[in-house]
């Protein structure tokens, strides 16, 4: 936001408030929840199914988290191996003293025609840079349904909590599990 300065020039809101002695509190966002179509995991380079690459903004966010995952493999797993009314959560974490997490809910709803997936990220390090990368990611995805960022999120907690699984999915009766992927 920009406001008009005392001499008629435009100033950023933060500068204007600082000049007036008002301090701005910046919250460190470390939890991110994203709901997109699974096709957003990749960018297309041609007409054939195999002509895709991982979304570069998602790759950047994963690199900043120090978590090694190939989004193309996630895309393939979702579309090739996950039947409607089924799908588990895959949880990845780095090996830092205070770990960061990437979780992806690959459940395919019985009537879901947009192939919606949920991604939960807890960025214990590099959170400011991860935030920028995730904004770039969500802005390049064609079918985006939710983008949340907060210092702590109950929805992220729920998705990454190993003790809350298996969960029964009401619409299908499927018992969803969480698969903790080691060695990321």
N, C-alpha and C. Protein backbone atom coordinates (compact mmCIF):
# COMPACT_ATOMS: atom_id res chain seq x y z
N UNK A 1 0.85 -1.17 0.00
CA UNK A 1 0.00 0.00 0.00
C UNK A 1 0.89 1.23 0.00
N UNK A 2 0.44 2.25 -0.66
CA UNK A 2 1.21 3.49 -0.79
C UNK A 2 0.33 4.65 -0.35
N UNK A 3 0.93 5.64 0.35
CA UNK A 3 0.18 6.84 0.72
C UNK A 3 0.93 8.07 0.24
N UNK A 4 0.25 9.19 0.21
CA UNK A 4 0.84 10.44 -0.23
C UNK A 4 1.65 11.04 0.91
N UNK A 5 2.93 11.35 0.64
CA UNK A 5 3.80 11.92 1.64
C UNK A 5 3.51 13.40 1.87
N UNK A 6 4.19 13.99 2.87
CA UNK A 6 3.92 15.37 3.26
C UNK A 6 4.30 16.37 2.17
N UNK A 7 5.19 15.98 1.26
CA UNK A 7 5.56 16.90 0.18
C UNK A 7 4.98 16.45 -1.15
N UNK A 8 3.93 15.64 -1.10
CA UNK A 8 3.23 15.26 -2.31
C UNK A 8 3.79 14.05 -3.05
N UNK A 9 4.80 13.39 -2.49
CA UNK A 9 5.35 12.20 -3.14
C UNK A 9 4.72 10.94 -2.55
N UNK A 10 4.67 9.89 -3.35
CA UNK A 10 4.15 8.62 -2.86
C UNK A 10 5.20 7.93 -2.01
N UNK A 11 4.77 7.37 -0.88
CA UNK A 11 5.68 6.65 0.01
C UNK A 11 5.06 5.29 0.34
N UNK A 12 5.90 4.27 0.50
CA UNK A 12 5.36 2.99 0.96
C UNK A 12 4.72 3.17 2.34
N UNK A 13 3.67 2.42 2.59
CA UNK A 13 2.95 2.52 3.86
C UNK A 13 3.88 2.30 5.04
N UNK A 14 4.79 1.32 4.95
CA UNK A 14 5.68 1.05 6.08
C UNK A 14 6.56 2.25 6.39
N UNK A 15 7.06 2.92 5.36
CA UNK A 15 7.88 4.11 5.57
C UNK A 15 7.05 5.22 6.18
N UNK A 16 5.85 5.43 5.69
CA UNK A 16 4.99 6.48 6.20
C UNK A 16 4.65 6.24 7.68
N UNK A 17 4.36 4.99 8.04
CA UNK A 17 4.04 4.68 9.43
C UNK A 17 5.26 4.85 10.32
N UNK A 18 6.44 4.45 9.81
CA UNK A 18 7.66 4.61 10.59
C UNK A 18 7.94 6.08 10.84
N UNK A 19 7.71 6.93 9.84
CA UNK A 19 7.91 8.36 9.99
C UNK A 19 6.99 8.90 11.09
N UNK A 20 5.80 8.33 11.19
CA UNK A 20 4.83 8.77 12.20
C UNK A 20 5.06 8.10 13.55
N UNK A 21 6.09 7.26 13.65
CA UNK A 21 6.39 6.61 14.92
C UNK A 21 5.54 5.37 15.19
N UNK A 22 4.89 4.85 14.19
CA UNK A 22 4.07 3.64 14.37
C UNK A 22 4.89 2.46 13.89
N UNK A 23 5.11 1.49 14.77
CA UNK A 23 5.90 0.32 14.43
C UNK A 23 5.01 -0.74 13.80
N UNK A 24 5.54 -1.38 12.76
CA UNK A 24 4.81 -2.45 12.10
C UNK A 24 5.36 -3.78 12.59
N UNK A 25 4.47 -4.64 13.03
CA UNK A 25 4.87 -5.98 13.48
C UNK A 25 4.81 -6.92 12.28
N UNK A 26 5.88 -7.64 12.07
CA UNK A 26 5.92 -8.62 10.98
C UNK A 26 5.85 -10.00 11.59
N UNK A 27 4.88 -10.78 11.14
CA UNK A 27 4.73 -12.14 11.65
C UNK A 27 5.51 -13.09 10.77
N UNK A 28 6.25 -13.98 11.41
CA UNK A 28 7.02 -14.96 10.66
C UNK A 28 6.10 -16.12 10.32
N UNK A 29 5.77 -16.23 9.07
CA UNK A 29 4.93 -17.34 8.61
C UNK A 29 5.81 -18.54 8.38
N UNK A 30 5.45 -19.65 8.99
CA UNK A 30 6.21 -20.88 8.75
C UNK A 30 5.32 -22.03 8.32
N UNK A 31 4.00 -21.88 8.45
CA UNK A 31 3.06 -22.91 8.02
C UNK A 31 2.32 -22.44 6.78
N UNK A 32 2.25 -23.33 5.79
CA UNK A 32 1.60 -23.02 4.52
C UNK A 32 0.68 -24.17 4.15
N UNK A 33 -0.53 -23.85 3.72
CA UNK A 33 -1.47 -24.86 3.25
C UNK A 33 -1.93 -24.44 1.86
N UNK A 34 -1.84 -25.36 0.93
CA UNK A 34 -2.17 -25.09 -0.47
C UNK A 34 -3.11 -26.17 -0.97
N UNK A 35 -4.17 -25.76 -1.65
CA UNK A 35 -5.05 -26.70 -2.34
C UNK A 35 -5.07 -26.31 -3.81
N UNK A 36 -4.68 -27.26 -4.66
CA UNK A 36 -4.59 -27.03 -6.10
C UNK A 36 -5.04 -28.29 -6.83
N UNK A 37 -5.20 -28.17 -8.13
CA UNK A 37 -5.35 -29.34 -8.97
C UNK A 37 -3.98 -30.01 -9.06
N UNK A 38 -3.96 -31.35 -9.02
CA UNK A 38 -2.69 -32.09 -9.08
C UNK A 38 -1.88 -31.75 -10.32
N UNK A 39 -2.54 -31.30 -11.37
CA UNK A 39 -1.81 -30.93 -12.59
C UNK A 39 -0.89 -29.73 -12.35
N UNK A 40 -1.10 -28.98 -11.29
CA UNK A 40 -0.24 -27.84 -10.97
C UNK A 40 1.14 -28.23 -10.47
N UNK A 41 1.35 -29.51 -10.17
CA UNK A 41 2.67 -29.96 -9.74
C UNK A 41 3.69 -29.86 -10.86
N UNK A 42 3.20 -29.82 -12.10
CA UNK A 42 4.10 -29.84 -13.25
C UNK A 42 3.76 -28.70 -14.22
N UNK A 43 4.70 -28.41 -15.09
CA UNK A 43 4.50 -27.49 -16.20
C UNK A 43 4.68 -28.29 -17.48
N UNK A 44 3.86 -28.00 -18.46
CA UNK A 44 3.89 -28.77 -19.71
C UNK A 44 4.84 -28.13 -20.70
N UNK A 45 5.61 -28.99 -21.38
CA UNK A 45 6.56 -28.52 -22.38
C UNK A 45 6.17 -28.98 -23.79
N UNK A 46 5.09 -29.73 -23.89
CA UNK A 46 4.63 -30.23 -25.19
C UNK A 46 3.26 -30.86 -25.05
N UNK A 47 2.84 -31.57 -26.07
CA UNK A 47 1.50 -32.14 -26.12
C UNK A 47 1.39 -33.52 -25.48
N UNK A 48 2.46 -34.27 -25.40
CA UNK A 48 2.43 -35.65 -24.89
C UNK A 48 2.43 -35.67 -23.37
N UNK A 49 1.92 -36.78 -22.80
CA UNK A 49 1.85 -36.91 -21.34
C UNK A 49 3.22 -36.80 -20.68
N UNK A 50 4.25 -37.30 -21.34
CA UNK A 50 5.58 -37.28 -20.73
C UNK A 50 6.32 -35.96 -20.95
N UNK A 51 5.71 -35.01 -21.61
CA UNK A 51 6.34 -33.72 -21.87
C UNK A 51 6.04 -32.72 -20.75
N UNK A 52 6.50 -33.06 -19.57
CA UNK A 52 6.29 -32.14 -18.45
C UNK A 52 7.55 -32.09 -17.60
N UNK A 53 7.68 -31.00 -16.88
CA UNK A 53 8.76 -30.80 -15.92
C UNK A 53 8.14 -30.38 -14.60
N UNK A 54 8.86 -30.56 -13.53
CA UNK A 54 8.38 -30.13 -12.22
C UNK A 54 8.22 -28.62 -12.21
N UNK A 55 7.17 -28.14 -11.54
CA UNK A 55 6.97 -26.70 -11.41
C UNK A 55 8.22 -26.11 -10.74
N UNK A 56 8.92 -25.19 -11.40
CA UNK A 56 10.19 -24.69 -10.86
C UNK A 56 10.06 -23.97 -9.52
N UNK A 57 8.93 -23.32 -9.27
CA UNK A 57 8.75 -22.64 -7.98
C UNK A 57 8.59 -23.66 -6.85
N UNK A 58 7.91 -24.76 -7.14
CA UNK A 58 7.77 -25.81 -6.14
C UNK A 58 9.13 -26.46 -5.87
N UNK A 59 9.90 -26.69 -6.92
CA UNK A 59 11.25 -27.25 -6.76
C UNK A 59 12.10 -26.31 -5.91
N UNK A 60 12.01 -25.00 -6.15
CA UNK A 60 12.76 -24.03 -5.36
C UNK A 60 12.35 -24.11 -3.89
N UNK A 61 11.06 -24.15 -3.61
CA UNK A 61 10.59 -24.25 -2.21
C UNK A 61 11.12 -25.52 -1.56
N UNK A 62 11.07 -26.63 -2.27
CA UNK A 62 11.57 -27.90 -1.72
C UNK A 62 13.07 -27.84 -1.47
N UNK A 63 13.80 -27.22 -2.38
CA UNK A 63 15.25 -27.06 -2.18
C UNK A 63 15.54 -26.21 -0.95
N UNK A 64 14.78 -25.14 -0.77
CA UNK A 64 14.96 -24.28 0.42
C UNK A 64 14.64 -25.04 1.71
N UNK A 65 13.73 -26.00 1.63
CA UNK A 65 13.39 -26.84 2.78
C UNK A 65 14.41 -27.96 2.99
N UNK A 66 15.28 -28.16 2.02
CA UNK A 66 16.25 -29.26 2.01
C UNK A 66 15.53 -30.61 2.01
N UNK A 67 14.47 -30.68 1.22
CA UNK A 67 13.70 -31.91 1.05
C UNK A 67 13.76 -32.28 -0.43
N UNK A 68 14.16 -33.52 -0.70
CA UNK A 68 14.33 -33.97 -2.07
C UNK A 68 13.12 -34.81 -2.49
N UNK A 69 12.32 -34.25 -3.37
CA UNK A 69 11.15 -34.94 -3.94
C UNK A 69 11.07 -34.51 -5.39
N UNK A 70 10.63 -35.41 -6.24
CA UNK A 70 10.40 -35.06 -7.63
C UNK A 70 8.90 -34.85 -7.82
N UNK A 71 8.44 -33.62 -8.01
CA UNK A 71 7.01 -33.38 -8.22
C UNK A 71 6.42 -34.13 -9.41
N UNK A 72 7.23 -34.44 -10.41
CA UNK A 72 6.74 -35.23 -11.55
C UNK A 72 6.35 -36.63 -11.07
N UNK A 73 7.14 -37.22 -10.19
CA UNK A 73 6.78 -38.53 -9.63
C UNK A 73 5.50 -38.47 -8.82
N UNK A 74 5.31 -37.38 -8.07
CA UNK A 74 4.06 -37.21 -7.32
C UNK A 74 2.88 -37.11 -8.28
N UNK A 75 3.06 -36.36 -9.34
CA UNK A 75 2.03 -36.21 -10.36
C UNK A 75 1.69 -37.58 -10.96
N UNK A 76 2.72 -38.33 -11.34
CA UNK A 76 2.50 -39.67 -11.91
C UNK A 76 1.81 -40.60 -10.93
N UNK A 77 2.23 -40.56 -9.66
CA UNK A 77 1.61 -41.41 -8.63
C UNK A 77 0.13 -41.09 -8.50
N UNK A 78 -0.19 -39.80 -8.50
CA UNK A 78 -1.59 -39.41 -8.34
C UNK A 78 -2.44 -39.89 -9.51
N UNK A 79 -1.99 -39.62 -10.72
CA UNK A 79 -2.82 -39.93 -11.88
C UNK A 79 -2.73 -41.39 -12.33
N UNK A 80 -1.64 -42.08 -12.04
CA UNK A 80 -1.49 -43.46 -12.49
C UNK A 80 -1.86 -44.50 -11.44
N UNK A 81 -1.67 -44.17 -10.17
CA UNK A 81 -1.80 -45.20 -9.13
C UNK A 81 -2.89 -44.94 -8.10
N UNK A 82 -3.56 -43.81 -8.16
CA UNK A 82 -4.54 -43.49 -7.13
C UNK A 82 -5.94 -43.55 -7.72
N UNK A 83 -6.73 -44.50 -7.22
CA UNK A 83 -8.11 -44.65 -7.69
C UNK A 83 -9.03 -43.70 -6.94
N UNK A 84 -10.17 -43.39 -7.56
CA UNK A 84 -11.16 -42.54 -6.90
C UNK A 84 -11.61 -43.20 -5.60
N UNK A 85 -11.77 -42.37 -4.56
CA UNK A 85 -12.17 -42.88 -3.26
C UNK A 85 -11.02 -43.44 -2.45
N UNK A 86 -9.80 -43.22 -2.91
CA UNK A 86 -8.60 -43.71 -2.23
C UNK A 86 -7.51 -42.64 -2.30
N UNK A 87 -6.45 -42.87 -1.55
CA UNK A 87 -5.31 -41.95 -1.58
C UNK A 87 -4.83 -41.63 -0.18
N UNK A 88 -3.55 -41.71 0.01
CA UNK A 88 -2.95 -41.49 1.32
C UNK A 88 -2.21 -40.17 1.37
N UNK A 89 -1.72 -39.84 2.55
CA UNK A 89 -0.90 -38.64 2.76
C UNK A 89 0.56 -39.10 2.79
N UNK A 90 1.40 -38.40 2.06
CA UNK A 90 2.83 -38.69 2.05
C UNK A 90 3.53 -37.55 2.77
N UNK A 91 4.32 -37.91 3.78
CA UNK A 91 5.00 -36.93 4.64
C UNK A 91 6.50 -37.05 4.46
N UNK A 92 7.11 -35.93 4.10
CA UNK A 92 8.56 -35.85 3.91
C UNK A 92 9.10 -34.86 4.92
N UNK A 93 10.31 -35.12 5.42
CA UNK A 93 10.95 -34.15 6.30
C UNK A 93 12.44 -34.14 6.04
N UNK A 94 13.05 -33.01 6.34
CA UNK A 94 14.50 -32.95 6.22
C UNK A 94 15.12 -33.50 7.50
N UNK A 95 16.43 -33.53 7.54
CA UNK A 95 17.12 -34.12 8.70
C UNK A 95 17.80 -33.07 9.56
N UNK A 96 17.23 -31.89 9.62
CA UNK A 96 17.79 -30.83 10.45
C UNK A 96 17.42 -31.07 11.91
N UNK A 97 18.11 -30.37 12.79
CA UNK A 97 17.83 -30.49 14.22
C UNK A 97 16.36 -30.19 14.52
N UNK A 98 15.85 -29.12 13.92
CA UNK A 98 14.42 -28.80 13.97
C UNK A 98 13.91 -29.01 12.55
N UNK A 99 13.22 -30.12 12.29
CA UNK A 99 12.88 -30.47 10.91
C UNK A 99 11.78 -29.60 10.30
N UNK A 100 11.87 -29.46 8.99
CA UNK A 100 10.79 -28.88 8.19
C UNK A 100 10.06 -30.04 7.53
N UNK A 101 8.79 -29.79 7.17
CA UNK A 101 7.95 -30.86 6.62
C UNK A 101 7.29 -30.44 5.32
N UNK A 102 7.07 -31.44 4.47
CA UNK A 102 6.26 -31.30 3.27
C UNK A 102 5.32 -32.50 3.27
N UNK A 103 4.03 -32.25 3.27
CA UNK A 103 3.04 -33.32 3.23
C UNK A 103 2.11 -33.07 2.05
N UNK A 104 1.72 -34.17 1.40
CA UNK A 104 0.79 -34.04 0.28
C UNK A 104 -0.31 -35.08 0.45
N UNK A 105 -1.54 -34.59 0.48
CA UNK A 105 -2.72 -35.45 0.62
C UNK A 105 -3.17 -35.81 -0.78
N UNK A 106 -3.03 -37.10 -1.12
CA UNK A 106 -3.31 -37.58 -2.48
C UNK A 106 -4.68 -38.28 -2.57
N UNK A 107 -5.56 -38.00 -1.63
CA UNK A 107 -6.90 -38.60 -1.70
C UNK A 107 -7.65 -38.06 -2.91
N UNK A 108 -8.26 -38.97 -3.69
CA UNK A 108 -9.07 -38.58 -4.85
C UNK A 108 -10.52 -38.76 -4.49
N UNK A 109 -11.23 -37.65 -4.40
CA UNK A 109 -12.65 -37.69 -4.05
C UNK A 109 -13.47 -38.42 -5.10
N UNK A 110 -14.58 -39.00 -4.65
CA UNK A 110 -15.43 -39.78 -5.55
C UNK A 110 -16.03 -38.92 -6.67
N UNK A 111 -16.31 -37.67 -6.37
CA UNK A 111 -16.93 -36.80 -7.37
C UNK A 111 -16.02 -35.64 -7.77
N UNK A 112 -14.77 -35.68 -7.37
CA UNK A 112 -13.81 -34.61 -7.65
C UNK A 112 -13.39 -34.66 -9.11
N UNK A 113 -13.80 -33.67 -9.88
CA UNK A 113 -13.45 -33.62 -11.29
C UNK A 113 -12.25 -32.70 -11.56
N UNK A 114 -11.74 -32.06 -10.51
CA UNK A 114 -10.61 -31.15 -10.68
C UNK A 114 -9.32 -31.71 -10.10
N UNK A 115 -9.37 -32.95 -9.58
CA UNK A 115 -8.18 -33.62 -9.05
C UNK A 115 -7.47 -32.79 -7.99
N UNK A 116 -8.23 -32.38 -6.98
CA UNK A 116 -7.72 -31.49 -5.93
C UNK A 116 -6.82 -32.27 -4.96
N UNK A 117 -5.67 -31.69 -4.69
CA UNK A 117 -4.75 -32.20 -3.68
C UNK A 117 -4.49 -31.10 -2.66
N UNK A 118 -4.07 -31.52 -1.48
CA UNK A 118 -3.67 -30.57 -0.43
C UNK A 118 -2.19 -30.74 -0.18
N UNK A 119 -1.51 -29.63 -0.02
CA UNK A 119 -0.09 -29.62 0.33
C UNK A 119 0.06 -28.82 1.61
N UNK A 120 0.74 -29.41 2.59
CA UNK A 120 1.04 -28.72 3.84
C UNK A 120 2.54 -28.62 3.99
N UNK A 121 3.01 -27.43 4.34
CA UNK A 121 4.44 -27.20 4.53
C UNK A 121 4.66 -26.51 5.86
N UNK A 122 5.61 -27.03 6.61
CA UNK A 122 6.09 -26.34 7.82
C UNK A 122 7.56 -26.04 7.57
N UNK A 123 7.88 -24.76 7.45
CA UNK A 123 9.24 -24.31 7.13
C UNK A 123 9.90 -23.76 8.39
N UNK A 124 10.69 -24.59 9.03
CA UNK A 124 11.38 -24.16 10.26
C UNK A 124 12.61 -23.31 9.94
N UNK A 125 13.13 -23.44 8.72
CA UNK A 125 14.25 -22.60 8.28
C UNK A 125 13.89 -22.01 6.92
N UNK A 126 14.49 -20.90 6.59
CA UNK A 126 14.30 -20.24 5.30
C UNK A 126 12.83 -19.89 5.03
N UNK A 127 12.05 -19.67 6.06
CA UNK A 127 10.61 -19.49 5.86
C UNK A 127 10.27 -18.29 4.98
N UNK A 128 11.03 -17.21 5.07
CA UNK A 128 10.74 -16.04 4.23
C UNK A 128 10.96 -16.35 2.75
N UNK A 129 12.04 -17.07 2.45
CA UNK A 129 12.32 -17.45 1.07
C UNK A 129 11.33 -18.49 0.57
N UNK A 130 10.95 -19.44 1.45
CA UNK A 130 9.96 -20.45 1.09
C UNK A 130 8.64 -19.77 0.75
N UNK A 131 8.29 -18.76 1.53
CA UNK A 131 7.05 -18.01 1.28
C UNK A 131 7.05 -17.40 -0.12
N UNK A 132 8.16 -16.79 -0.52
CA UNK A 132 8.26 -16.17 -1.84
C UNK A 132 8.13 -17.25 -2.93
N UNK A 133 8.82 -18.37 -2.74
CA UNK A 133 8.76 -19.46 -3.73
C UNK A 133 7.34 -20.01 -3.83
N UNK A 134 6.66 -20.17 -2.69
CA UNK A 134 5.29 -20.71 -2.72
C UNK A 134 4.31 -19.74 -3.34
N UNK A 135 4.53 -18.43 -3.14
CA UNK A 135 3.67 -17.44 -3.82
C UNK A 135 3.86 -17.55 -5.34
N UNK A 136 5.10 -17.71 -5.77
CA UNK A 136 5.36 -17.92 -7.19
C UNK A 136 4.70 -19.19 -7.69
N UNK A 137 4.77 -20.24 -6.89
CA UNK A 137 4.15 -21.52 -7.24
C UNK A 137 2.64 -21.37 -7.42
N UNK A 138 1.98 -20.83 -6.41
CA UNK A 138 0.51 -20.74 -6.47
C UNK A 138 0.08 -19.80 -7.60
N UNK A 139 0.86 -18.79 -7.88
CA UNK A 139 0.51 -17.85 -8.95
C UNK A 139 0.66 -18.46 -10.35
N UNK A 140 1.41 -19.56 -10.48
CA UNK A 140 1.58 -20.19 -11.79
C UNK A 140 0.64 -21.37 -11.99
N UNK A 141 -0.09 -21.76 -10.96
CA UNK A 141 -1.00 -22.91 -11.05
C UNK A 141 -2.34 -22.44 -11.59
N UNK A 142 -2.84 -23.16 -12.59
CA UNK A 142 -4.09 -22.76 -13.23
C UNK A 142 -5.29 -22.92 -12.30
N UNK A 143 -5.41 -24.07 -11.63
CA UNK A 143 -6.55 -24.32 -10.75
C UNK A 143 -6.09 -24.28 -9.29
N UNK A 144 -6.21 -23.12 -8.69
CA UNK A 144 -5.81 -22.90 -7.30
C UNK A 144 -7.07 -22.67 -6.47
N UNK A 145 -7.15 -23.35 -5.34
CA UNK A 145 -8.36 -23.29 -4.53
C UNK A 145 -8.11 -22.70 -3.14
N UNK A 146 -6.90 -22.82 -2.64
CA UNK A 146 -6.60 -22.32 -1.30
C UNK A 146 -5.11 -22.05 -1.18
N UNK A 147 -4.79 -20.92 -0.56
CA UNK A 147 -3.41 -20.62 -0.17
C UNK A 147 -3.49 -19.94 1.18
N UNK A 148 -2.93 -20.59 2.18
CA UNK A 148 -2.92 -20.03 3.54
C UNK A 148 -1.49 -19.99 4.04
N UNK A 149 -1.18 -18.95 4.76
CA UNK A 149 0.12 -18.87 5.43
C UNK A 149 -0.11 -18.32 6.83
N UNK A 150 0.60 -18.90 7.78
CA UNK A 150 0.43 -18.45 9.17
C UNK A 150 1.64 -18.87 9.98
N UNK A 151 1.73 -18.31 11.17
CA UNK A 151 2.84 -18.70 12.05
C UNK A 151 2.62 -20.10 12.61
N UNK A 152 1.37 -20.49 12.79
CA UNK A 152 1.02 -21.87 13.19
C UNK A 152 -0.37 -22.15 12.65
N UNK A 153 -0.54 -23.31 12.05
CA UNK A 153 -1.81 -23.65 11.42
C UNK A 153 -2.33 -24.99 11.95
N UNK A 154 -3.56 -24.98 12.45
CA UNK A 154 -4.16 -26.23 12.92
C UNK A 154 -4.38 -27.19 11.75
N UNK A 155 -4.63 -26.65 10.56
CA UNK A 155 -4.83 -27.51 9.38
C UNK A 155 -3.52 -28.18 8.97
N UNK A 156 -2.41 -27.48 9.05
CA UNK A 156 -1.11 -28.09 8.77
C UNK A 156 -0.80 -29.11 9.86
N UNK A 157 -1.02 -28.75 11.12
CA UNK A 157 -0.80 -29.70 12.22
C UNK A 157 -1.57 -30.99 12.00
N UNK A 158 -2.84 -30.86 11.62
CA UNK A 158 -3.69 -32.02 11.42
C UNK A 158 -3.17 -32.92 10.30
N UNK A 159 -2.68 -32.32 9.24
CA UNK A 159 -2.21 -33.10 8.10
C UNK A 159 -0.90 -33.82 8.39
N UNK A 160 0.00 -33.23 9.19
CA UNK A 160 1.31 -33.84 9.44
C UNK A 160 1.38 -34.65 10.73
N UNK A 161 0.30 -34.71 11.50
CA UNK A 161 0.29 -35.41 12.78
C UNK A 161 0.18 -36.92 12.56
N UNK A 162 1.27 -37.64 12.79
CA UNK A 162 1.30 -39.09 12.59
C UNK A 162 0.27 -39.81 13.45
N UNK A 163 -0.03 -39.26 14.62
CA UNK A 163 -0.95 -39.91 15.55
C UNK A 163 -2.42 -39.79 15.16
N UNK A 164 -2.73 -38.97 14.17
CA UNK A 164 -4.13 -38.80 13.79
C UNK A 164 -4.56 -39.74 12.65
N UNK A 165 -3.68 -40.67 12.31
CA UNK A 165 -3.98 -41.63 11.24
C UNK A 165 -4.04 -43.03 11.82
N UNK A 166 -4.76 -43.93 11.21
CA UNK A 166 -5.56 -43.76 10.00
C UNK A 166 -6.82 -42.93 10.27
N UNK A 167 -7.26 -42.23 9.24
CA UNK A 167 -8.48 -41.43 9.29
C UNK A 167 -9.48 -42.05 8.33
N UNK A 168 -10.72 -42.10 8.74
CA UNK A 168 -11.74 -42.60 7.83
C UNK A 168 -12.30 -41.43 7.02
N UNK A 169 -12.27 -41.58 5.71
CA UNK A 169 -12.85 -40.58 4.82
C UNK A 169 -14.33 -40.89 4.70
N UNK A 170 -15.15 -39.96 5.14
CA UNK A 170 -16.59 -40.19 5.26
C UNK A 170 -17.26 -40.59 3.94
N UNK A 171 -16.93 -39.91 2.84
CA UNK A 171 -17.63 -40.14 1.58
C UNK A 171 -17.42 -41.55 1.02
N UNK A 172 -16.27 -42.14 1.31
CA UNK A 172 -15.95 -43.44 0.71
C UNK A 172 -15.73 -44.55 1.74
N UNK A 173 -15.56 -44.17 3.00
CA UNK A 173 -15.24 -45.15 4.02
C UNK A 173 -13.78 -45.59 3.99
N UNK A 174 -12.98 -44.98 3.12
CA UNK A 174 -11.56 -45.32 2.98
C UNK A 174 -10.80 -44.94 4.24
N UNK A 175 -9.96 -45.83 4.71
CA UNK A 175 -9.08 -45.54 5.85
C UNK A 175 -7.77 -44.99 5.31
N UNK A 176 -7.65 -43.68 5.40
CA UNK A 176 -6.47 -43.00 4.88
C UNK A 176 -5.31 -43.13 5.86
N UNK A 177 -4.14 -43.47 5.32
CA UNK A 177 -2.94 -43.60 6.13
C UNK A 177 -1.97 -42.47 5.78
N UNK A 178 -1.01 -42.29 6.66
CA UNK A 178 0.07 -41.36 6.37
C UNK A 178 1.32 -42.20 6.15
N UNK A 179 2.03 -41.93 5.07
CA UNK A 179 3.23 -42.66 4.71
C UNK A 179 4.41 -41.73 4.95
N UNK A 180 5.17 -42.04 5.97
CA UNK A 180 6.34 -41.24 6.27
C UNK A 180 7.47 -41.68 5.37
N UNK A 181 7.88 -40.79 4.48
CA UNK A 181 8.91 -41.13 3.50
C UNK A 181 10.26 -40.77 4.08
N UNK A 182 11.12 -41.74 4.19
CA UNK A 182 12.44 -41.54 4.80
C UNK A 182 13.47 -41.21 3.73
N UNK A 183 14.55 -40.64 4.16
CA UNK A 183 15.69 -40.42 3.28
C UNK A 183 15.56 -39.23 2.35
N UNK A 184 14.78 -38.23 2.72
CA UNK A 184 14.63 -37.05 1.86
C UNK A 184 15.76 -36.09 2.11
